[in-house]
């Protein structure tokens, strides 16, 4: 850390560690990257149209465990920028749904803020319409089984 702020290389290493742990299905290593009071905000709405916000490492653990039980997912950092204490990334991913075998490949953006060497805020900006279409296809496919 330089001047009380996390530097570019440390921020990049933390984010890379997060994505490697997720891709390896290593939830305990994944969670080590987050502050206890992490706030996670994906731009995806719930079934009632409300913004989703997850607060705290325990809530995030439940979410990530649920997702990993449904999906195999690999994420990699395609682009990384860091300025004024905020990291901005472009993430490439491939996810496969266990029961249907359907896969979804795409990219999304992240905005990450830190507290010390931990992620304190993680915002994800997905193509919500494409993701919704994938899950509608999964639901339809499961309904046919």
Protein backbone atom coordinates (compact mmCIF):
# COMPACT_ATOMS: atom_id res chain seq x y z
CA UNK A 1 0.00 0.00 0.00
CA UNK A 2 1.25 3.46 -0.85
CA UNK A 3 0.18 6.60 1.01
CA UNK A 4 -2.59 4.79 2.88
CA UNK A 5 -4.16 3.54 -0.34
CA UNK A 6 -3.98 0.20 -2.03
CA UNK A 7 -1.77 0.28 -5.12
CA UNK A 8 -2.51 -0.96 -8.64
CA UNK A 9 -0.63 -4.26 -8.32
CA UNK A 10 -2.13 -5.22 -4.95
CA UNK A 11 -5.66 -4.43 -6.16
CA UNK A 12 -5.10 -6.45 -9.33
CA UNK A 13 -3.76 -9.40 -7.29
CA UNK A 14 -6.80 -9.37 -4.98
CA UNK A 15 -9.24 -9.33 -7.89
CA UNK A 16 -7.30 -12.04 -9.73
CA UNK A 17 -7.30 -14.14 -6.55
CA UNK A 18 -11.07 -13.73 -6.25
CA UNK A 19 -11.67 -14.93 -9.82
CA UNK A 20 -9.20 -17.81 -9.56
CA UNK A 21 -10.87 -19.04 -6.36
CA UNK A 22 -14.33 -18.80 -7.97
CA UNK A 23 -13.14 -20.67 -11.07
CA UNK A 24 -11.58 -23.37 -8.86
CA UNK A 25 -14.81 -23.67 -6.82
CA UNK A 26 -12.75 -22.80 -3.72
CA UNK A 27 -15.33 -20.90 -1.68
CA UNK A 28 -13.18 -20.51 1.43
CA UNK A 29 -10.36 -18.87 -0.57
CA UNK A 30 -12.91 -16.79 -2.46
CA UNK A 31 -14.42 -15.43 0.75
CA UNK A 32 -11.00 -14.51 2.16
CA UNK A 33 -10.89 -11.67 -0.38
CA UNK A 34 -13.90 -9.91 1.16
CA UNK A 35 -14.32 -7.67 4.19
CA UNK A 36 -16.71 -9.05 6.82
CA UNK A 37 -19.23 -6.33 5.92
CA UNK A 38 -18.85 -6.62 2.13
CA UNK A 39 -21.63 -5.12 0.04
CA UNK A 40 -22.29 -6.93 -3.24
CA UNK A 41 -24.59 -5.26 -5.77
CA UNK A 42 -25.24 -6.96 -9.08
CA UNK A 43 -27.41 -5.01 -11.52
CA UNK A 44 -29.80 -7.95 -11.67
CA UNK A 45 -33.30 -7.60 -10.31
CA UNK A 46 -35.13 -10.23 -8.29
CA UNK A 47 -38.44 -11.82 -9.34
CA UNK A 48 -40.32 -8.78 -7.95
CA UNK A 49 -38.19 -6.23 -9.83
CA UNK A 50 -36.23 -5.12 -6.77
CA UNK A 51 -32.52 -4.37 -6.85
CA UNK A 52 -30.49 -7.15 -5.29
CA UNK A 53 -28.05 -6.19 -2.55
CA UNK A 54 -26.15 -8.73 -0.50
CA UNK A 55 -24.58 -7.58 2.76
CA UNK A 56 -21.89 -9.37 4.69
CA UNK A 57 -19.59 -12.28 4.03
CA UNK A 58 -22.09 -14.84 5.37
CA UNK A 59 -24.83 -13.73 2.99
CA UNK A 60 -22.35 -13.77 0.14
CA UNK A 61 -21.23 -17.26 1.11
CA UNK A 62 -24.83 -18.52 0.93
CA UNK A 63 -25.28 -16.93 -2.50
CA UNK A 64 -22.00 -18.27 -3.90
CA UNK A 65 -22.63 -21.75 -2.47
CA UNK A 66 -26.08 -21.77 -4.10
CA UNK A 67 -24.63 -20.65 -7.45
CA UNK A 68 -21.81 -23.19 -7.34
CA UNK A 69 -24.30 -25.99 -6.68
CA UNK A 70 -26.12 -25.06 -9.92
CA UNK A 71 -23.24 -23.99 -12.15
CA UNK A 72 -19.71 -24.61 -13.19
CA UNK A 73 -18.25 -21.19 -13.82
CA UNK A 74 -14.91 -19.86 -14.98
CA UNK A 75 -14.11 -16.16 -14.87
CA UNK A 76 -11.02 -14.30 -16.04
CA UNK A 77 -10.00 -10.67 -15.89
CA UNK A 78 -9.82 -9.32 -19.46
CA UNK A 79 -9.24 -5.66 -18.59
CA UNK A 80 -8.15 -4.00 -15.36
CA UNK A 81 -7.89 -0.35 -14.38
CA UNK A 82 -7.22 1.19 -10.98
CA UNK A 83 -7.39 4.84 -10.00
CA UNK A 84 -8.37 6.82 -6.90
CA UNK A 85 -8.90 3.66 -4.87
CA UNK A 86 -11.40 2.12 -7.29
CA UNK A 87 -10.78 -0.85 -9.57
CA UNK A 88 -12.74 -1.30 -12.78
CA UNK A 89 -12.64 -4.58 -14.65
CA UNK A 90 -14.04 -6.38 -17.63
CA UNK A 91 -14.59 -10.05 -16.83
CA UNK A 92 -14.99 -12.86 -19.36
CA UNK A 93 -16.93 -15.88 -18.20
CA UNK A 94 -18.29 -19.23 -19.20
CA UNK A 95 -20.85 -20.95 -17.05
CA UNK A 96 -22.47 -24.30 -17.46
CA UNK A 97 -25.70 -25.34 -15.83
CA UNK A 98 -25.25 -28.76 -14.19
CA UNK A 99 -28.68 -30.30 -14.80
CA UNK A 100 -29.35 -29.09 -18.34
CA UNK A 101 -25.82 -28.86 -19.72
CA UNK A 102 -26.62 -25.43 -21.17
CA UNK A 103 -23.74 -22.95 -21.27
CA UNK A 104 -23.56 -19.20 -21.31
CA UNK A 105 -20.49 -17.27 -22.42
CA UNK A 106 -20.13 -13.53 -22.05
CA UNK A 107 -18.57 -10.59 -20.27
CA UNK A 108 -19.54 -8.25 -17.50
CA UNK A 109 -18.01 -5.28 -15.72
CA UNK A 110 -17.05 -4.91 -12.09
CA UNK A 111 -16.46 -1.87 -9.93
CA UNK A 112 -14.50 -2.72 -6.79
CA UNK A 113 -13.69 -0.66 -3.71
CA UNK A 114 -11.36 -1.84 -0.97
CA UNK A 115 -10.81 -1.47 2.74
CA UNK A 116 -7.20 -2.35 3.43
CA UNK A 117 -6.47 -5.57 1.55
CA UNK A 118 -10.11 -6.69 1.41
CA UNK A 119 -12.93 -5.98 -1.03
CA UNK A 120 -15.53 -3.80 0.70
CA UNK A 121 -17.84 -3.10 -2.26
CA UNK A 122 -18.34 -5.24 -5.35
CA UNK A 123 -20.68 -4.04 -8.08
CA UNK A 124 -21.32 -6.18 -11.13
CA UNK A 125 -22.83 -4.91 -14.35
CA UNK A 126 -24.18 -7.76 -16.44
CA UNK A 127 -26.13 -7.76 -19.68
CA UNK A 128 -29.32 -8.37 -17.73
CA UNK A 129 -31.45 -9.25 -20.78
CA UNK A 130 -29.03 -11.91 -22.04
CA UNK A 131 -28.69 -13.39 -18.56
CA UNK A 132 -32.46 -13.44 -18.12
CA UNK A 133 -32.82 -15.17 -21.52
CA UNK A 134 -30.30 -17.83 -20.43
CA UNK A 135 -32.20 -18.54 -17.21
CA UNK A 136 -35.52 -18.63 -19.08
CA UNK A 137 -33.98 -21.24 -21.39
CA UNK A 138 -32.71 -23.22 -18.39
CA UNK A 139 -36.19 -23.11 -16.83
CA UNK A 140 -37.84 -24.22 -20.08
CA UNK A 141 -35.31 -27.02 -20.54
CA UNK A 142 -35.83 -28.26 -16.98
CA UNK A 143 -39.60 -28.14 -17.50
CA UNK A 144 -39.27 -30.52 -20.44
CA UNK A 145 -37.46 -33.15 -18.36
